[in-house]
Amino acid sequence: MLADYTKFSRKSLYKICEWQAITALMTNDMADPLLVAKLEKQTQVILGE
């Protein structure tokens, strides 16, 4: 999954799948470190510039 940091605090009307079903999340390094740490317990997180 590819998502920039601004999508982290948004709510969605639909749940597509559990985080464990996602192989990896790629986002930019402006993501909140606390949210990244939480997500790293569920799936691989790849931070880019």
Protein backbone atom coordinates (compact mmCIF):
# COMPACT_ATOMS: atom_id res chain seq x y z
CA MET A 1 0.00 0.00 0.00
CA LEU A 2 1.25 3.49 -0.80
CA ALA A 3 -0.04 6.43 1.26
CA ASP A 4 1.42 9.80 2.12
CA TYR A 5 1.42 10.89 5.77
CA THR A 6 -1.68 13.09 5.40
CA LYS A 7 -3.86 9.98 5.01
CA PHE A 8 -2.96 8.60 8.45
CA SER A 9 -5.50 10.65 10.38
CA ARG A 10 -8.36 10.26 7.91
CA LYS A 11 -11.31 7.97 8.52
CA SER A 12 -12.81 5.79 5.82
CA LEU A 13 -16.36 4.60 5.38
CA TYR A 14 -15.21 1.11 4.41
CA LYS A 15 -12.68 -1.29 5.83
CA ILE A 16 -10.95 -3.18 3.04
CA CYS A 17 -8.82 -5.57 5.10
CA GLU A 18 -6.86 -5.99 8.32
CA TRP A 19 -3.37 -4.48 8.50
CA GLN A 20 -1.89 -7.99 8.83
CA ALA A 21 -3.15 -8.74 5.30
CA ILE A 22 -1.06 -5.88 3.86
CA THR A 23 2.47 -6.87 2.91
CA ALA A 24 3.92 -3.40 3.44
CA LEU A 25 2.98 0.25 3.81
CA MET A 26 5.15 2.76 1.99
CA THR A 27 4.90 6.36 3.16
CA ASN A 28 7.03 9.47 3.48
CA ASP A 29 9.23 10.30 6.45
CA MET A 30 6.88 13.07 7.63
CA ALA A 31 4.54 10.46 9.11
CA ASP A 32 3.94 10.65 12.86
CA PRO A 33 6.56 8.39 14.52
CA LEU A 34 4.00 7.15 17.07
CA LEU A 35 1.61 6.04 14.31
CA VAL A 36 4.48 4.44 12.40
CA ALA A 37 5.51 2.48 15.51
CA LYS A 38 1.93 1.30 15.98
CA LEU A 39 1.67 0.21 12.34
CA GLU A 40 5.03 -1.59 12.47
CA LYS A 41 3.41 -4.02 14.93
CA GLN A 42 0.90 -4.91 12.20
CA THR A 43 2.88 -4.76 8.93
CA GLN A 44 6.19 -3.70 7.41
CA VAL A 45 6.52 0.10 7.10
CA ILE A 46 8.85 1.59 4.50
CA LEU A 47 9.68 5.28 4.92
CA GLY A 48 10.85 7.38 1.99
CA GLU A 49 11.92 11.00 1.71
